[in-house]
C-alpha atoms as a PDB file:
ATOM      1  CA  UNK A   1     -22.028  -3.401  -2.102  1.00  0.00           C
ATOM      2  CA  UNK A   2     -23.852  -0.111  -2.388  1.00  0.00           C
ATOM      3  CA  UNK A   3     -23.706   2.225  -5.327  1.00  0.00           C
ATOM      4  CA  UNK A   4     -21.316   4.583  -3.387  1.00  0.00           C
ATOM      5  CA  UNK A   5     -18.705   1.946  -3.226  1.00  0.00           C
ATOM      6  CA  UNK A   6     -16.619   3.671  -6.003  1.00  0.00           C
ATOM      7  CA  UNK A   7     -16.911   7.026  -4.153  1.00  0.00           C
ATOM      8  CA  UNK A   8     -15.713   5.345  -0.975  1.00  0.00           C
ATOM      9  CA  UNK A   9     -12.812   3.465  -2.599  1.00  0.00           C
ATOM     10  CA  UNK A  10     -11.618   6.796  -4.302  1.00  0.00           C
ATOM     11  CA  UNK A  11     -11.929   8.429  -0.819  1.00  0.00           C
ATOM     12  CA  UNK A  12      -9.763   5.749   0.879  1.00  0.00           C
ATOM     13  CA  UNK A  13      -7.302   5.659  -1.924  1.00  0.00           C
ATOM     14  CA  UNK A  14      -6.925   9.595  -1.704  1.00  0.00           C
ATOM     15  CA  UNK A  15      -6.276   9.284   1.850  1.00  0.00           C
ATOM     16  CA  UNK A  16      -3.809   6.466   2.081  1.00  0.00           C
ATOM     17  CA  UNK A  17      -2.018   6.328  -1.268  1.00  0.00           C
ATOM     18  CA  UNK A  18       0.329   9.218  -0.146  1.00  0.00           C
ATOM     19  CA  UNK A  19       1.108   7.219   3.101  1.00  0.00           C
ATOM     20  CA  UNK A  20       1.941   4.133   1.098  1.00  0.00           C
ATOM     21  CA  UNK A  21       4.134   6.135  -1.209  1.00  0.00           C
ATOM     22  CA  UNK A  22       5.909   7.509   1.854  1.00  0.00           C
ATOM     23  CA  UNK A  23       6.360   4.193   3.326  1.00  0.00           C
ATOM     24  CA  UNK A  24       7.711   2.956  -0.031  1.00  0.00           C
ATOM     25  CA  UNK A  25      10.321   5.668   0.067  1.00  0.00           C
ATOM     26  CA  UNK A  26      11.412   4.877   3.680  1.00  0.00           C
ATOM     27  CA  UNK A  27      11.626   1.165   2.742  1.00  0.00           C
ATOM     28  CA  UNK A  28      13.114   1.373  -0.609  1.00  0.00           C
ATOM     29  CA  UNK A  29      15.300  -1.844  -1.109  1.00  0.00           C
ATOM     30  CA  UNK A  30      14.339  -3.313   2.293  1.00  0.00           C
ATOM     31  CA  UNK A  31      12.255  -6.328   2.762  1.00  0.00           C
ATOM     32  CA  UNK A  32       9.190  -5.749   4.934  1.00  0.00           C
ATOM     33  CA  UNK A  33       6.018  -7.546   6.138  1.00  0.00           C
ATOM     34  CA  UNK A  34       2.763  -6.440   4.632  1.00  0.00           C
ATOM     35  CA  UNK A  35       1.652  -5.983   8.392  1.00  0.00           C
ATOM     36  CA  UNK A  36       4.339  -3.316   8.738  1.00  0.00           C
ATOM     37  CA  UNK A  37       2.674  -1.292   5.948  1.00  0.00           C
ATOM     38  CA  UNK A  38      -0.736  -1.808   7.478  1.00  0.00           C
ATOM     39  CA  UNK A  39       0.443  -0.563  10.864  1.00  0.00           C
ATOM     40  CA  UNK A  40       2.245   2.453   9.183  1.00  0.00           C
ATOM     41  CA  UNK A  41      -1.049   3.409   7.449  1.00  0.00           C
ATOM     42  CA  UNK A  42      -3.209   2.709  10.432  1.00  0.00           C
ATOM     43  CA  UNK A  43      -1.070   4.911  12.678  1.00  0.00           C
ATOM     44  CA  UNK A  44      -1.549   7.792  10.281  1.00  0.00           C
ATOM     45  CA  UNK A  45      -5.088   7.334   8.887  1.00  0.00           C
ATOM     46  CA  UNK A  46      -8.294   6.603  10.677  1.00  0.00           C
ATOM     47  CA  UNK A  47     -11.635   4.569   9.569  1.00  0.00           C
ATOM     48  CA  UNK A  48      -9.798   2.319   7.066  1.00  0.00           C
ATOM     49  CA  UNK A  49     -10.384  -1.283   6.473  1.00  0.00           C
ATOM     50  CA  UNK A  50      -7.560  -3.664   7.443  1.00  0.00           C
ATOM     51  CA  UNK A  51      -7.286  -4.823   3.891  1.00  0.00           C
ATOM     52  CA  UNK A  52      -7.322  -1.241   2.336  1.00  0.00           C
ATOM     53  CA  UNK A  53      -3.432  -0.748   2.477  1.00  0.00           C
ATOM     54  CA  UNK A  54      -2.817  -4.008   0.440  1.00  0.00           C
ATOM     55  CA  UNK A  55      -5.587  -3.098  -1.975  1.00  0.00           C
ATOM     56  CA  UNK A  56      -4.071   0.329  -2.729  1.00  0.00           C
ATOM     57  CA  UNK A  57      -0.634  -1.044  -2.740  1.00  0.00           C
ATOM     58  CA  UNK A  58      -1.737  -3.225  -5.571  1.00  0.00           C
ATOM     59  CA  UNK A  59      -3.454  -0.184  -7.262  1.00  0.00           C
ATOM     60  CA  UNK A  60      -0.355   1.908  -6.991  1.00  0.00           C
ATOM     61  CA  UNK A  61       1.587  -0.888  -8.702  1.00  0.00           C
ATOM     62  CA  UNK A  62      -1.016  -1.244 -11.576  1.00  0.00           C
ATOM     63  CA  UNK A  63      -0.795   2.434 -12.031  1.00  0.00           C
ATOM     64  CA  UNK A  64       2.976   2.306 -12.323  1.00  0.00           C
ATOM     65  CA  UNK A  65       3.473   4.653  -9.479  1.00  0.00           C
ATOM     66  CA  UNK A  66       5.597   2.055  -7.453  1.00  0.00           C
ATOM     67  CA  UNK A  67       7.060  -1.342  -7.811  1.00  0.00           C
ATOM     68  CA  UNK A  68       7.568  -4.157  -5.509  1.00  0.00           C
ATOM     69  CA  UNK A  69       8.259  -7.888  -5.493  1.00  0.00           C
ATOM     70  CA  UNK A  70       6.783 -10.437  -3.397  1.00  0.00           C
ATOM     71  CA  UNK A  71       9.629 -12.317  -1.765  1.00  0.00           C
ATOM     72  CA  UNK A  72       7.500 -14.774   0.167  1.00  0.00           C
ATOM     73  CA  UNK A  73       3.733 -14.814  -0.259  1.00  0.00           C
ATOM     74  CA  UNK A  74       3.005 -17.229   2.642  1.00  0.00           C
ATOM     75  CA  UNK A  75       4.987 -14.937   4.989  1.00  0.00           C
ATOM     76  CA  UNK A  76       3.696 -11.649   3.398  1.00  0.00           C
ATOM     77  CA  UNK A  77       7.244 -10.589   2.681  1.00  0.00           C
ATOM     78  CA  UNK A  78       7.711  -7.877   0.129  1.00  0.00           C
ATOM     79  CA  UNK A  79      10.363  -5.612  -1.170  1.00  0.00           C
ATOM     80  CA  UNK A  80      10.062  -2.323  -2.989  1.00  0.00           C
ATOM     81  CA  UNK A  81      12.280  -2.096  -6.016  1.00  0.00           C
ATOM     82  CA  UNK A  82      14.657   0.811  -6.269  1.00  0.00           C
ATOM     83  CA  UNK A  83      13.580   3.486  -8.797  1.00  0.00           C
ATOM     84  CA  UNK A  84      15.797   3.503 -11.825  1.00  0.00           C
ATOM     85  CA  UNK A  85      17.447   6.590 -12.733  1.00  0.00           C
END
């Protein structure tokens, strides 16, 4: 991996994190396949690696910006948790 990898990761994060947050609002409380997230992001952003949406999804969770549960890891089923008021 080159020295610019952190810069590239930051660029990709900045490009698709807002899209993932939008997807999470649209899918709040619903079960979804991670492939649906990937297609949602790919339809709105270009030049991203197929695994980037999943990586950024995990980063957003670590940052506390969204929350989700893995319903079935083998089937890649996830569910965003409703934000508490």
